C-alpha atoms as a PDB file:
ATOM      1  CA  MET A   1      16.361  22.556  23.237  1.00  0.00           C
ATOM      2  CA  SER A   2      16.457  23.960  18.906  1.00  0.00           C
ATOM      3  CA  LYS A   3      13.461  25.495  17.383  1.00  0.00           C
ATOM      4  CA  HIS A   4      11.648  23.538  14.404  1.00  0.00           C
ATOM      5  CA  PRO A   5      12.943  25.001  10.620  1.00  0.00           C
ATOM      6  CA  LEU A   6       9.364  26.506  10.529  1.00  0.00           C
ATOM      7  CA  ASP A   7       9.312  28.085  14.157  1.00  0.00           C
ATOM      8  CA  HIS A   8      12.605  30.170  13.220  1.00  0.00           C
ATOM      9  CA  ASP A   9      11.624  33.288  12.441  1.00  0.00           C
ATOM     10  CA  ARG A  10      11.869  34.956   9.454  1.00  0.00           C
ATOM     11  CA  GLY A  11       9.776  37.667   9.055  1.00  0.00           C
ATOM     12  CA  ALA A  12       6.286  37.702   7.948  1.00  0.00           C
ATOM     13  CA  SER A  13       5.708  35.679   4.374  1.00  0.00           C
ATOM     14  CA  SER A  14       3.243  34.370   2.463  1.00  0.00           C
ATOM     15  CA  SER A  15       5.346  31.296   2.331  1.00  0.00           C
ATOM     16  CA  ARG A  16       6.043  30.438   5.492  1.00  0.00           C
ATOM     17  CA  LEU A  17       2.390  30.180   6.078  1.00  0.00           C
ATOM     18  CA  ALA A  18       1.797  28.199   3.271  1.00  0.00           C
ATOM     19  CA  LYS A  19       4.508  25.601   4.676  1.00  0.00           C
ATOM     20  CA  PHE A  20       2.138  25.550   7.825  1.00  0.00           C
ATOM     21  CA  ALA A  21      -1.071  24.896   5.739  1.00  0.00           C
ATOM     22  CA  ALA A  22       0.192  22.631   3.774  1.00  0.00           C
ATOM     23  CA  PHE A  23       1.340  20.560   6.685  1.00  0.00           C
ATOM     24  CA  GLU A  24      -1.315  20.730   8.106  1.00  0.00           C
ATOM     25  CA  ARG A  25      -3.530  19.508   5.125  1.00  0.00           C
ATOM     26  CA  SER A  26      -1.014  16.873   5.272  1.00  0.00           C
ATOM     27  CA  GLU A  27      -1.766  15.565   8.655  1.00  0.00           C
ATOM     28  CA  GLN A  28      -5.830  15.060   8.698  1.00  0.00           C
ATOM     29  CA  PRO A  29      -6.939  11.667   7.016  1.00  0.00           C
ATOM     30  CA  SER A  30      -7.342  10.965   3.344  1.00  0.00           C
ATOM     31  CA  ALA A  31     -11.028  10.924   2.076  1.00  0.00           C
ATOM     32  CA  ALA A  32     -10.524   7.272   1.216  1.00  0.00           C
ATOM     33  CA  SER A  33      -9.745   6.330   4.715  1.00  0.00           C
ATOM     34  CA  LYS A  34     -12.849   8.745   5.620  1.00  0.00           C
ATOM     35  CA  THR A  35     -15.044   6.497   3.211  1.00  0.00           C
ATOM     36  CA  LEU A  36     -13.998   3.259   4.799  1.00  0.00           C
ATOM     37  CA  GLN A  37     -15.062   4.843   8.441  1.00  0.00           C
ATOM     38  CA  GLN A  38     -18.489   5.311   7.037  1.00  0.00           C
ATOM     39  CA  ARG A  39     -18.877   2.076   6.177  1.00  0.00           C
ATOM     40  CA  PRO A  40     -21.694  -0.553   7.439  1.00  0.00           C
ATOM     41  CA  ARG A  41     -20.263  -2.487   9.785  1.00  0.00           C
ATOM     42  CA  THR A  42     -22.480  -5.477   9.312  1.00  0.00           C
ATOM     43  CA  GLN A  43     -20.101  -7.755   8.130  1.00  0.00           C
ATOM     44  CA  SER A  44     -17.159  -6.614  10.933  1.00  0.00           C
ATOM     45  CA  GLU A  45     -20.028  -7.567  13.372  1.00  0.00           C
ATOM     46  CA  THR A  46     -20.295 -10.956  12.639  1.00  0.00           C
ATOM     47  CA  ARG A  47     -16.393 -11.447  12.236  1.00  0.00           C
ATOM     48  CA  ALA A  48     -15.939 -10.104  16.336  1.00  0.00           C
ATOM     49  CA  LYS A  49     -18.882 -12.859  17.025  1.00  0.00           C
ATOM     50  CA  GLN A  50     -16.619 -15.574  15.338  1.00  0.00           C
ATOM     51  CA  PHE A  51     -13.697 -14.567  17.057  1.00  0.00           C
ATOM     52  CA  ALA A  52     -15.498 -13.953  20.571  1.00  0.00           C
ATOM     53  CA  ARG A  53     -16.566 -17.231  19.668  1.00  0.00           C
ATOM     54  CA  ILE A  54     -12.880 -19.042  19.344  1.00  0.00           C
ATOM     55  CA  GLU A  55     -12.026 -17.279  22.181  1.00  0.00           C
ATOM     56  CA  ARG A  56     -14.596 -18.690  24.699  1.00  0.00           C
ATOM     57  CA  GLU A  57     -13.968 -22.279  23.459  1.00  0.00           C
ATOM     58  CA  MET A  58     -10.359 -21.421  23.750  1.00  0.00           C
ATOM     59  CA  LYS A  59     -10.094 -20.427  27.666  1.00  0.00           C
ATOM     60  CA  ALA A  60     -12.562 -23.261  27.879  1.00  0.00           C
ATOM     61  CA  VAL A  61     -10.182 -25.782  26.750  1.00  0.00           C
ATOM     62  CA  ALA A  62      -7.325 -24.153  29.034  1.00  0.00           C
ATOM     63  CA  PRO A  63      -6.275 -25.842  31.828  1.00  0.00           C
END
């Protein structure tokens, strides 16, 4: 299997390290997604209860 283009040995250069650092930063979640994860979940709990109720009703009706 061939190496990834960034893994080829081209000597110690700061640009190679900068490419790895930029790639690592790009893989991290954005600030917007972090704030969405930290939102209070009061509404989603109510919604989950509604879906559970619908599912229970469907199972009761199903043969």
